[in-house]
Protein backbone atom coordinates (compact mmCIF):
# COMPACT_ATOMS: atom_id res chain seq x y z
CA MET A 1 15.01 29.13 88.66
CA GLY A 2 15.76 28.06 85.21
CA ILE A 3 15.21 24.44 86.20
CA LEU A 4 12.06 25.29 87.81
CA GLN A 5 10.70 26.89 84.60
CA ILE A 6 11.61 23.68 82.68
CA VAL A 7 9.88 21.39 85.14
CA ALA A 8 6.66 23.61 85.24
CA VAL A 9 6.24 23.26 81.56
CA ILE A 10 6.75 19.58 81.60
CA VAL A 11 4.11 19.21 84.48
CA ILE A 12 1.55 20.96 82.65
CA LEU A 13 2.39 18.92 79.65
CA ILE A 14 1.77 15.80 81.78
CA LEU A 15 -1.39 16.96 83.06
CA LEU A 16 -2.79 17.46 79.56
CA VAL A 17 -1.93 14.02 78.17
CA LYS A 18 -4.90 12.25 79.91
CA PRO A 19 -7.85 14.48 78.70
CA MET A 20 -6.22 15.32 75.33
CA GLY A 21 -5.72 11.59 74.68
CA THR A 22 -8.98 10.67 75.75
CA TYR A 23 -10.52 13.27 73.46
CA LEU A 24 -8.56 12.11 70.58
CA TYR A 25 -9.72 8.33 71.43
CA TYR A 26 -13.46 9.58 71.21
CA VAL A 27 -12.68 11.54 67.82
CA PHE A 28 -11.21 8.49 66.08
CA SER A 29 -12.94 5.39 67.73
CA ASN A 30 -15.85 5.62 65.31
CA GLU A 31 -18.21 5.10 68.15
CA PRO A 32 -20.97 7.28 69.02
CA ASN A 33 -19.91 9.88 71.55
CA ARG A 34 -20.38 13.66 72.59
CA THR A 35 -18.20 15.18 69.92
CA ASP A 36 -20.69 14.19 67.17
CA ARG A 37 -23.15 16.55 68.65
CA TRP A 38 -20.79 19.41 68.08
CA PHE A 39 -19.14 18.31 64.57
CA GLY A 40 -21.27 15.66 63.19
CA GLY A 41 -23.55 17.84 60.95
CA MET A 42 -20.53 19.73 59.58
CA GLU A 43 -18.80 16.55 58.53
CA LYS A 44 -21.64 14.97 56.85
CA GLY A 45 -21.92 18.07 54.83
CA ILE A 46 -18.36 17.48 53.76
CA TYR A 47 -18.91 13.96 53.22
CA LYS A 48 -21.59 14.46 50.87
CA LEU A 49 -19.68 17.39 49.20
CA ILE A 50 -16.67 14.80 48.35
CA GLY A 51 -19.26 11.98 47.40
CA LEU A 52 -18.14 9.85 50.60
CA LYS A 53 -21.55 8.03 50.79
CA LYS A 54 -20.18 4.83 52.61
CA ARG A 55 -17.66 5.07 55.04
CA ASP A 56 -16.49 1.40 54.92
CA GLY A 57 -13.09 0.42 56.46
CA MET A 58 -10.22 0.00 53.71
CA SER A 59 -7.44 -2.23 53.41
CA TRP A 60 -4.08 -0.97 54.38
CA LYS A 61 -3.12 -0.65 50.50
CA LYS A 62 -6.27 1.44 49.80
CA TYR A 63 -5.65 3.55 52.85
CA ALA A 64 -1.81 4.14 51.84
CA LEU A 65 -2.87 4.99 48.31
CA SER A 66 -5.66 7.38 49.37
CA PHE A 67 -2.96 9.05 51.55
CA VAL A 68 -0.68 9.44 48.89
CA LEU A 69 -2.88 10.41 45.98
CA THR A 70 -4.41 13.19 48.20
CA ASN A 71 -1.01 14.47 48.89
CA ILE A 72 -0.16 14.30 45.36
CA VAL A 73 -3.11 16.55 44.22
CA LEU A 74 -2.35 18.92 47.12
CA VAL A 75 1.35 19.33 46.07
CA THR A 76 0.18 20.01 42.55
CA PHE A 77 -2.10 22.76 43.02
CA SER A 78 0.48 24.34 45.64
CA TYR A 79 3.21 24.11 43.14
CA ILE A 80 1.09 26.02 40.46
CA PHE A 81 0.18 28.86 43.09
CA LEU A 82 3.90 29.30 43.95
CA ARG A 83 4.90 29.58 40.20
CA LEU A 84 2.31 32.02 39.47
CA GLN A 85 2.13 34.14 42.74
CA ARG A 86 2.99 37.34 41.28
CA GLY A 87 -0.36 37.50 39.12
CA LEU A 88 -2.64 36.07 42.03
CA PRO A 89 -4.65 38.17 44.77
CA LEU A 90 -3.23 39.26 48.11
CA ASN A 91 0.07 40.33 46.80
CA PRO A 92 0.29 44.25 48.23
CA ASN A 93 4.33 43.94 48.34
CA GLY A 94 4.66 42.72 44.95
CA ILE A 95 6.40 39.31 45.64
CA ALA A 96 7.72 37.70 42.50
CA ASP A 97 7.07 34.20 41.36
CA MET A 98 9.28 31.44 43.25
CA GLU A 99 11.79 29.91 41.19
CA GLN A 100 11.18 26.13 39.94
CA THR A 101 13.56 24.32 42.12
CA LEU A 102 12.92 26.27 45.18
CA SER A 103 9.15 25.97 44.48
CA PHE A 104 9.90 22.13 44.08
CA ASN A 105 11.54 22.07 47.53
CA THR A 106 8.82 24.25 49.36
CA VAL A 107 6.12 22.14 48.12
CA ILE A 108 7.39 18.93 49.14
CA SER A 109 8.65 20.52 52.53
CA PHE A 110 5.27 21.33 53.66
CA MET A 111 3.37 18.51 52.16
CA THR A 112 5.68 16.18 54.08
CA ASN A 113 5.23 17.96 57.36
CA THR A 114 9.07 19.06 57.33
CA ASN A 115 8.70 22.90 56.36
CA LEU A 116 12.42 23.26 55.73
CA GLN A 117 12.57 26.72 54.17
CA HIS A 118 15.23 27.87 51.75
CA TYR A 119 13.61 31.27 51.36
CA SER A 120 12.61 33.98 54.06
CA GLY A 121 8.79 33.87 54.33
CA GLU A 122 8.31 37.72 54.47
CA THR A 123 10.20 38.40 51.08
CA GLY A 124 9.48 35.10 49.49
CA LEU A 125 5.72 34.61 49.63
CA SER A 126 2.70 36.62 48.86
CA TYR A 127 -0.05 36.80 51.50
CA PHE A 128 -2.10 34.62 49.27
CA SER A 129 0.52 32.04 49.15
CA GLN A 130 1.29 32.15 52.90
CA MET A 131 -2.37 31.40 53.28
CA ALA A 132 -3.38 29.30 50.42
CA VAL A 133 -0.18 27.16 50.04
CA ILE A 134 1.75 27.24 53.38
CA THR A 135 -1.10 27.47 55.91
CA MET A 136 -3.08 24.95 54.17
CA MET A 137 -0.57 22.36 53.64
CA MET A 138 0.22 22.90 57.37
CA PHE A 139 -3.25 21.77 58.04
CA THR A 140 -3.50 19.00 55.59
CA SER A 141 0.04 17.38 56.18
CA ALA A 142 -0.50 17.14 59.96
CA ALA A 143 -4.04 15.87 59.40
CA SER A 144 -2.62 13.08 57.15
CA GLY A 145 0.21 12.10 59.44
CA PHE A 146 -2.48 11.99 62.19
CA SER A 147 -4.82 9.68 60.19
CA VAL A 148 -2.09 7.38 59.39
CA ALA A 149 -1.10 7.15 62.96
CA VAL A 150 -4.70 6.29 63.92
CA ALA A 151 -4.92 3.68 61.31
CA PHE A 152 -1.67 1.99 62.52
CA VAL A 153 -3.04 1.94 65.93
CA ARG A 154 -6.36 0.45 64.60
CA GLY A 155 -4.45 -2.29 62.94
CA ILE A 156 -1.97 -3.43 65.68
CA THR A 157 -4.86 -3.27 68.34
CA GLY A 158 -6.84 -5.51 66.14
CA ARG A 159 -9.94 -3.32 65.41
CA LYS A 160 -12.22 -4.34 62.49
CA SER A 161 -9.88 -2.42 59.74
CA VAL A 162 -7.42 0.39 59.68
CA GLY A 163 -10.36 2.71 58.96
CA ASN A 164 -11.18 5.14 56.15
CA PHE A 165 -8.54 7.61 55.29
CA PHE A 166 -10.97 10.37 54.26
CA GLU A 167 -13.23 10.03 57.35
CA ASP A 168 -10.22 10.22 59.44
CA PHE A 169 -8.71 13.02 57.28
CA VAL A 170 -11.91 15.00 57.58
CA LYS A 171 -12.25 14.49 61.48
CA ALA A 172 -8.84 15.40 62.08
CA HIS A 173 -9.44 18.82 60.43
CA ILE A 174 -12.90 19.40 61.86
CA ARG A 175 -12.54 17.98 65.50
CA VAL A 176 -8.72 18.57 66.21
CA PHE A 177 -6.79 21.21 64.02
CA ILE A 178 -9.28 23.98 63.18
CA PRO A 179 -10.88 24.23 66.84
CA LEU A 180 -7.48 24.13 68.34
CA ALA A 181 -5.89 26.73 65.77
CA LEU A 182 -8.69 28.98 66.14
CA LEU A 183 -8.35 29.01 70.07
CA VAL A 184 -4.50 29.32 69.71
CA SER A 185 -4.81 31.96 67.30
CA LEU A 186 -7.18 34.32 69.45
CA VAL A 187 -4.84 33.99 72.24
CA LEU A 188 -1.94 34.86 70.09
CA VAL A 189 -3.54 38.03 68.90
CA GLY A 190 -4.53 38.92 72.45
CA LEU A 191 -0.52 38.76 73.45
CA HIS A 192 0.16 40.93 70.23
CA VAL A 193 0.94 38.66 67.56
CA PRO A 194 -0.10 40.23 64.30
CA GLN A 195 -3.16 39.00 62.24
CA THR A 196 -3.74 41.61 59.24
CA LEU A 197 -3.89 41.99 55.43
CA LYS A 198 -2.29 45.12 55.47
CA PRO A 199 1.00 45.75 53.39
CA SER A 200 4.45 46.03 54.96
CA LEU A 201 4.61 49.23 57.38
CA GLU A 202 7.01 51.81 56.29
CA VAL A 203 8.62 53.90 59.17
CA THR A 204 11.24 56.36 59.59
CA THR A 205 13.92 55.14 62.29
CA LEU A 206 15.88 57.68 64.66
CA GLU A 207 18.34 58.04 62.28
CA GLY A 208 15.96 59.56 59.75
CA GLN A 209 15.95 56.72 57.50
CA THR A 210 13.32 54.74 55.84
CA GLN A 211 12.64 51.25 56.95
CA GLN A 212 10.01 48.50 55.69
CA ILE A 213 8.62 46.52 58.77
CA ALA A 214 6.86 43.23 57.55
CA ILE A 215 3.41 42.32 58.86
CA GLY A 216 0.66 40.09 57.84
CA PRO A 217 -1.70 37.20 58.83
CA VAL A 218 1.02 35.80 61.35
CA ALA A 219 -1.15 34.51 64.24
CA SER A 220 -3.31 32.00 62.00
CA LEU A 221 -0.03 30.51 60.67
CA GLU A 222 1.67 30.48 64.04
CA SER A 223 -0.93 28.51 65.82
CA ILE A 224 -1.31 25.51 63.00
CA LYS A 225 2.53 25.78 62.59
CA HIS A 226 2.89 24.25 66.31
CA LEU A 227 -0.10 22.33 66.60
CA GLY A 228 0.52 20.56 63.24
CA THR A 229 4.18 20.33 64.34
CA ASN A 230 5.08 21.98 60.81
CA GLY A 231 7.50 24.74 62.10
CA GLY A 232 7.78 26.96 59.00
CA GLY A 233 8.09 30.38 60.14
CA PHE A 234 6.06 33.52 58.57
CA PHE A 235 9.23 35.39 58.99
CA GLY A 236 12.88 34.07 58.19
CA ALA A 237 13.95 34.59 61.93
CA ASN A 238 11.10 32.12 62.86
CA SER A 239 10.11 31.98 66.50
CA SER A 240 12.90 34.03 67.58
CA HIS A 241 11.10 37.05 65.58
CA PRO A 242 9.24 39.30 68.04
CA PHE A 243 6.08 39.37 65.88
CA GLU A 244 5.87 35.34 65.96
CA ASN A 245 6.98 34.91 69.49
CA PRO A 246 6.93 38.07 71.50
CA ASN A 247 7.41 37.12 75.11
CA PRO A 248 7.92 34.03 77.44
CA LEU A 249 4.34 33.45 77.93
CA THR A 250 3.63 33.10 74.00
CA ASN A 251 6.85 30.86 74.19
CA VAL A 252 5.32 28.45 76.50
CA LEU A 253 2.22 28.38 74.64
CA GLU A 254 4.11 27.44 71.53
CA ILE A 255 6.08 24.97 73.42
CA LEU A 256 2.79 23.42 74.61
CA SER A 257 1.13 23.45 71.32
CA MET A 258 3.64 21.34 69.33
CA TRP A 259 4.03 18.97 72.36
CA MET A 260 0.59 18.40 73.38
CA LEU A 261 -0.69 16.27 70.62
CA PRO A 262 2.28 14.11 70.04
CA ALA A 263 2.64 13.18 73.76
CA SER A 264 -1.23 12.50 73.96
CA LEU A 265 -1.01 9.84 71.17
CA PRO A 266 0.43 7.11 73.60
CA TYR A 267 -2.49 7.45 75.84
CA MET A 268 -4.99 7.30 72.76
CA TYR A 269 -3.18 4.15 71.92
CA GLY A 270 -3.52 2.72 75.26
CA LEU A 271 -7.43 3.20 75.13
CA PHE A 272 -7.47 1.59 71.65
CA ALA A 273 -5.38 -1.26 73.41
CA LYS A 274 -7.83 -1.61 75.94
CA ASN A 275 -4.89 -1.31 78.39
CA LYS A 276 -3.81 2.10 79.53
CA ARG A 277 -0.46 0.93 80.81
CA GLN A 278 0.42 0.27 77.31
CA GLY A 279 0.06 3.65 76.50
CA TRP A 280 2.01 4.76 79.53
CA VAL A 281 4.78 2.54 78.80
CA ILE A 282 5.18 4.24 75.45
CA PHE A 283 4.90 7.87 77.04
CA THR A 284 7.45 6.64 79.99
CA ALA A 285 10.03 5.48 77.35
CA MET A 286 9.53 8.89 75.35
CA MET A 287 9.71 11.13 78.28
CA THR A 288 12.67 9.55 79.66
CA LEU A 289 14.77 9.81 76.42
CA PHE A 290 13.77 13.29 76.18
CA VAL A 291 14.54 14.57 79.72
CA LEU A 292 18.01 12.92 79.25
CA LEU A 293 18.77 14.76 75.88
CA LEU A 294 17.29 18.19 77.44
CA SER A 295 19.40 17.72 80.16
CA LEU A 296 22.51 17.52 78.01
CA ASN A 297 21.50 20.56 76.08
CA PHE A 298 20.85 22.62 79.24
CA TYR A 299 23.98 21.60 80.81
CA ALA A 300 26.09 22.43 77.66
CA GLU A 301 24.61 25.87 77.05
CA SER A 302 24.68 26.74 80.88
CA LYS A 303 28.08 26.19 81.09
CA GLY A 304 29.13 28.42 78.08
CA ASN A 305 31.32 27.89 75.35
CA PRO A 306 34.56 26.32 76.41
CA ALA A 307 36.45 28.42 74.00
CA ILE A 308 35.26 31.83 75.35
CA ASN A 309 35.47 30.59 78.86
CA ALA A 310 39.11 29.79 78.31
CA LEU A 311 39.89 33.51 77.69
CA GLY A 312 38.47 34.53 81.08
CA ILE A 313 35.22 36.14 79.83
CA GLU A 314 32.42 36.28 82.42
CA SER A 315 29.68 33.54 81.27
CA SER A 316 27.31 33.12 84.21
CA GLN A 317 24.55 33.49 81.83
CA GLY A 318 25.83 30.65 79.72
CA SER A 319 26.21 30.53 76.00
CA MET A 320 23.71 33.23 74.96
CA GLU A 321 25.28 33.54 71.57
CA GLY A 322 22.36 33.14 69.11
CA LYS A 323 19.57 33.22 71.93
CA GLU A 324 17.03 35.89 72.60
CA VAL A 325 17.61 37.55 76.02
CA ARG A 326 13.73 37.46 76.65
CA PHE A 327 13.82 33.58 76.52
CA GLY A 328 17.28 32.97 78.35
CA ILE A 329 19.09 29.61 78.52
CA PRO A 330 16.34 27.61 80.12
CA GLN A 331 13.39 28.57 77.64
CA SER A 332 15.74 28.50 74.67
CA SER A 333 16.84 24.75 75.72
CA LEU A 334 13.42 23.32 76.22
CA PHE A 335 12.35 25.02 73.08
CA THR A 336 15.17 23.55 71.17
CA SER A 337 14.39 20.12 72.59
CA VAL A 338 11.01 20.20 72.21
CA THR A 339 10.82 21.44 68.49
CA THR A 340 13.18 18.52 67.52
CA ALA A 341 11.74 15.89 69.67
CA ALA A 342 8.32 16.73 68.14
CA THR A 343 9.80 17.29 64.80
CA THR A 344 8.40 20.56 64.47
CA GLY A 345 11.46 22.51 63.22
CA SER A 346 10.38 26.21 64.60
CA VAL A 347 13.42 27.72 66.43
CA ASN A 348 13.61 30.60 68.87
CA ASN A 349 17.27 30.63 68.86
CA MET A 350 19.96 29.87 66.29
CA HIS A 351 20.97 26.29 66.55
CA ASP A 352 24.17 26.81 64.52
CA THR A 353 25.35 28.81 67.48
CA LEU A 354 24.66 25.85 69.72
CA THR A 355 27.62 24.58 71.80
CA PRO A 356 28.96 21.46 70.39
CA LEU A 357 27.61 19.32 73.14
CA GLY A 358 24.48 21.19 73.08
CA GLY A 359 23.92 20.57 69.29
CA ILE A 360 23.98 16.97 69.67
CA THR A 361 20.60 17.11 71.49
CA PRO A 362 18.62 18.55 68.35
CA LEU A 363 20.66 15.92 66.10
CA ALA A 364 20.05 13.00 68.34
CA LEU A 365 16.23 13.83 68.62
CA MET A 366 16.02 13.99 64.92
CA MET A 367 18.13 10.77 64.32
CA LEU A 368 15.87 8.82 66.81
CA ASN A 369 12.82 10.06 65.37
CA ASN A 370 10.49 8.56 67.88
CA VAL A 371 10.66 10.45 71.12
CA PHE A 372 7.34 12.00 70.79
CA GLY A 373 7.80 12.79 67.19
CA GLY A 374 5.47 14.72 64.84
CA LYS A 375 1.85 14.12 64.12
CA GLY A 376 1.53 10.43 64.63
CA VAL A 377 5.00 9.47 63.06
CA GLY A 378 6.67 9.40 66.69
CA LEU A 379 4.17 6.97 68.09
CA ILE A 380 4.47 4.61 65.02
CA ASN A 381 7.97 4.79 65.04
CA MET A 382 8.12 3.98 68.92
CA LEU A 383 5.68 1.29 68.44
CA MET A 384 7.75 -0.07 65.85
CA TYR A 385 10.63 -0.33 68.21
CA ALA A 386 8.34 -1.72 70.71
CA ILE A 387 7.76 -4.63 68.21
CA LEU A 388 11.40 -4.99 67.56
CA GLY A 389 12.02 -5.25 71.16
CA VAL A 390 9.62 -7.93 71.62
CA PHE A 391 11.29 -9.67 68.59
CA LEU A 392 14.79 -9.71 70.26
CA CYS A 393 13.42 -10.80 73.63
CA GLY A 394 11.46 -13.72 71.82
CA LEU A 395 14.77 -14.75 70.23
CA MET A 396 16.61 -14.70 73.49
CA VAL A 397 14.30 -16.91 75.29
CA GLY A 398 13.26 -19.13 72.31
CA ARG A 399 9.55 -18.17 71.96
CA THR A 400 7.72 -16.96 68.96
CA PRO A 401 7.30 -13.35 69.89
CA GLU A 402 3.76 -11.93 70.49
CA PHE A 403 2.60 -7.99 70.59
CA LEU A 404 -0.81 -7.48 71.61
CA GLY A 405 -1.77 -11.20 71.16
CA ARG A 406 -0.47 -11.39 67.49
CA LYS A 407 2.53 -13.12 66.43
CA ILE A 408 5.56 -11.11 65.20
CA GLU A 409 6.71 -13.10 62.12
CA ALA A 410 9.19 -12.61 59.16
CA LYS A 411 6.89 -10.41 57.07
CA GLU A 412 6.68 -7.91 59.94
CA MET A 413 10.32 -7.86 60.76
CA LYS A 414 11.36 -7.35 57.02
CA LEU A 415 9.17 -4.38 56.85
CA ILE A 416 10.53 -2.96 59.96
CA ALA A 417 13.80 -3.32 58.76
CA ILE A 418 12.98 -1.36 55.70
CA ALA A 419 11.67 1.39 57.85
CA ILE A 420 14.79 1.56 60.31
CA LEU A 421 17.36 1.25 57.56
CA VAL A 422 16.05 3.67 55.16
CA HIS A 423 16.25 6.67 57.70
CA PRO A 424 20.15 6.67 58.23
CA PHE A 425 20.71 5.72 54.27
CA ILE A 426 18.83 8.95 53.29
CA ILE A 427 20.92 10.88 55.71
CA LEU A 428 24.42 9.34 55.55
CA VAL A 429 24.54 9.05 51.82
CA PRO A 430 23.64 12.55 50.81
CA THR A 431 25.77 13.76 53.52
CA ALA A 432 28.63 12.10 51.88
CA ALA A 433 27.43 13.08 48.53
CA ALA A 434 27.30 17.02 49.45
CA PHE A 435 31.09 16.88 50.41
CA LEU A 436 31.98 14.90 47.31
CA THR A 437 30.74 17.22 44.83
CA ASP A 438 31.51 20.54 44.03
CA LEU A 439 27.78 21.74 43.78
CA GLY A 440 27.38 20.56 47.47
CA GLN A 441 30.77 21.97 48.79
CA GLY A 442 30.08 25.52 47.40
CA ALA A 443 27.21 26.21 50.08
CA ILE A 444 29.22 25.16 52.95
CA THR A 445 30.31 28.25 54.65
CA ASN A 446 32.04 26.58 57.63
CA THR A 447 35.16 24.49 57.54
CA GLY A 448 36.33 21.61 59.44
CA PHE A 449 34.14 19.89 62.09
CA HIS A 450 31.27 22.32 62.27
CA GLY A 451 30.94 22.26 58.48
CA LEU A 452 30.20 18.62 58.74
CA SER A 453 27.75 19.27 61.44
CA GLN A 454 25.82 21.68 59.17
CA VAL A 455 25.64 19.49 56.34
CA LEU A 456 24.66 16.51 58.49
CA TYR A 457 21.97 18.60 60.19
CA GLU A 458 20.23 19.79 57.05
CA TYR A 459 20.06 16.17 55.83
CA VAL A 460 18.89 14.73 59.34
CA SER A 461 16.30 17.56 59.40
CA SER A 462 14.99 16.70 56.08
CA ALA A 463 14.88 12.82 56.66
CA ALA A 464 13.21 13.55 60.14
CA ASN A 465 10.48 16.00 58.57
CA ASN A 466 11.75 18.38 60.92
CA GLY A 467 12.90 21.50 58.90
CA SER A 468 15.10 23.36 61.29
CA GLY A 469 18.68 23.87 60.25
CA PHE A 470 22.26 24.78 61.28
CA GLU A 471 21.66 27.91 59.06
CA GLY A 472 25.32 28.61 57.84
CA LEU A 473 24.60 26.85 54.65
CA ALA A 474 23.93 28.62 51.47
CA ASP A 475 21.24 26.08 50.39
CA ASN A 476 19.13 27.66 48.00
CA THR A 477 20.75 26.28 45.29
CA THR A 478 19.51 23.59 42.57
CA PHE A 479 21.54 20.86 44.48
CA TRP A 480 20.43 21.46 47.81
CA ASN A 481 16.83 22.15 46.69
CA VAL A 482 16.54 18.84 44.88
CA THR A 483 18.67 16.52 47.15
CA THR A 484 16.71 17.54 50.44
CA GLY A 485 13.54 17.68 48.41
CA ILE A 486 14.09 13.62 47.63
CA VAL A 487 15.10 12.99 51.08
CA MET A 488 12.12 14.54 52.59
CA LEU A 489 9.79 12.38 50.11
CA LEU A 490 11.63 9.31 50.99
CA GLY A 491 11.62 10.13 54.77
CA ARG A 492 7.93 10.63 54.95
CA TYR A 493 6.48 7.84 52.60
CA VAL A 494 8.82 4.82 52.89
CA SER A 495 8.51 4.29 56.52
CA ILE A 496 4.81 5.31 56.50
CA ILE A 497 3.74 2.95 53.80
CA ALA A 498 6.02 0.06 55.30
CA MET A 499 4.38 0.46 58.89
CA LEU A 500 0.98 0.52 57.40
CA ALA A 501 1.79 -2.80 55.73
CA VAL A 502 2.85 -4.20 59.30
CA ALA A 503 -0.60 -3.07 60.56
CA GLY A 504 -2.30 -4.61 57.71
CA SER A 505 -0.52 -7.85 58.30
CA LEU A 506 -1.16 -8.13 61.98
CA LEU A 507 -4.73 -7.18 61.61
CA LYS A 508 -5.19 -10.31 59.48
CA LYS A 509 -3.63 -12.60 62.06
CA LYS A 510 -5.81 -14.25 64.61
CA PRO A 511 -5.34 -13.34 68.24
CA VAL A 512 -3.12 -15.71 70.31
CA PRO A 513 -4.52 -16.23 73.71
CA GLU A 514 -2.47 -14.78 76.67
CA THR A 515 -0.69 -17.54 78.58
CA ILE A 516 1.97 -17.60 81.72
CA GLY A 517 4.63 -17.43 79.26
CA THR A 518 3.57 -14.28 77.52
CA PHE A 519 6.04 -11.59 77.44
CA ARG A 520 4.22 -8.59 79.06
CA THR A 521 4.73 -5.52 77.43
CA ASP A 522 2.92 -3.11 79.92
CA ASN A 523 5.49 -2.85 82.77
CA GLY A 524 8.73 -1.21 83.88
CA LEU A 525 10.94 -3.92 82.56
CA PHE A 526 9.59 -3.44 79.11
CA THR A 527 10.08 0.18 79.28
CA GLY A 528 13.61 -0.50 79.76
CA ILE A 529 13.96 -2.84 77.30
CA LEU A 530 12.19 -0.16 74.88
CA ILE A 531 14.49 2.57 75.92
CA GLY A 532 17.62 0.09 75.36
CA THR A 533 16.22 -0.92 71.87
CA VAL A 534 15.98 2.42 70.85
CA VAL A 535 19.44 3.85 72.07
CA ILE A 536 21.51 0.59 71.05
CA ILE A 537 20.16 0.96 67.40
CA GLY A 538 20.68 4.82 67.37
CA ALA A 539 23.96 4.50 68.61
CA LEU A 540 25.23 1.95 66.27
CA THR A 541 23.81 3.77 63.63
CA PHE A 542 24.73 7.24 64.09
CA LEU A 543 27.63 7.30 66.77
CA PRO A 544 30.36 7.63 64.18
CA VAL A 545 29.11 10.67 62.57
CA ILE A 546 28.41 12.38 66.01
CA VAL A 547 32.09 11.69 66.86
CA LEU A 548 33.18 13.04 63.46
CA GLY A 549 31.14 16.28 63.89
CA PRO A 550 30.03 17.84 67.33
CA ILE A 551 32.10 15.61 69.55
CA ALA A 552 35.30 16.19 67.51
CA GLU A 553 34.40 20.09 67.50
CA TYR A 554 34.17 19.86 71.44
CA LEU A 555 37.39 18.19 71.69
CA THR A 556 39.01 21.20 69.51
CA LEU A 557 37.59 23.90 71.86
CA ARG A 558 39.02 22.35 75.15
């Protein structure tokens, strides 16, 4: 029955890929289509308001600069709001101003689409901050990533230019995220997720004690939290909280919300490339890796904790520590896998209590950072590995590699090398530094191999712009706030800018006619090559630290 639940959700996801991918192509192709009738007038008003008179294509450098500067402006205003939230409106519970290093970490976290939270939402933020800072950045960070992905696709598929960032940014909001968020919000409210500006409820318990129950504008945040693969929770317990995720139906809705758009982007890419099979190759590679890692998590959690099983304790329900009974193992495993594959970061169970083998799945998905991935980043990273796979095959047969009719040369490979190497660097170096400094060690509450896994998870989550955590760390300190903030910045912007440069470089090249010797990238063989390239590079990079963490912990429990 549990496997049937998982298969049903995957089938629904696959059925959504083609219609959603087609819609995204119509939105960003910049060709006249039906969506202009619905949204064109609103967009023209916004273009006029911001002074965007000509929506000419930008160079990749101007596109990247526009992207970064827009993010800087939004971060500045958000930081000011958090530091002054006590005196701002919509603060019925009297929440104090946020501390400066925590404010730095929070604004970087949400602007980079990470949503790593070193605070608890119901006690750390006013309603104004939840809406004007957190919810706002959930929209803008997702739209930023989406825009960059579309620009990259335009570049490698030979469009006239990578596009105009501000046009893409507005379209992502008006035609994608706002309509979908409105729809999902209404459904969540109908399924009893709160949406109110009233202060916390004061109730009397059965013991006669007074208890404060936090409420607020939860549904509106919850919708964009998943649609934008953001993940930051209104409550500290995130999507395991009954007000965020009341029942299995809302759980499936949230899974599909965070999975649908990233899974549809490969199909959109195939339409841009004028070869749908190109898109299905990318999708198949992503889904194959996803199913393999999901199977590992589901198997490990279903078998229970080896140490507890050795005591003869009944464990037919699996390892239910840290999980909600209303979801069970199947929906907990699927949620865990999807939220780390799509780099969302919302959680409906405590990842810190996953079995050692089960904990490998979220770690591996974030380390690879290309199995669906967040808003656009997963597609960019998987296409990066596709280009790398073509380059390696070209070396083996002694032929200049080509991808989508353009030669792959030294410049592109240097940029791709930067994007590939920066990811493990910003994970492994800070992880080592945390154990070598007193400031880092003071927050580590678990000794031994699990303590290593906790620290590793924190930096993997930050680098992959995921935001979930092995929540055993006392991480709201200057050391952790600053170091994870820096990792989030590097994890977001270095690879994005490098890959935009690749797109700009390929865009300038003249197309090479396809010949009998051209290596095909739209068949089953290339799907296998792509999967192999991802696995080999990922294994070579991260296997040693996985062995020192979860695998060593698993062996001690046997």
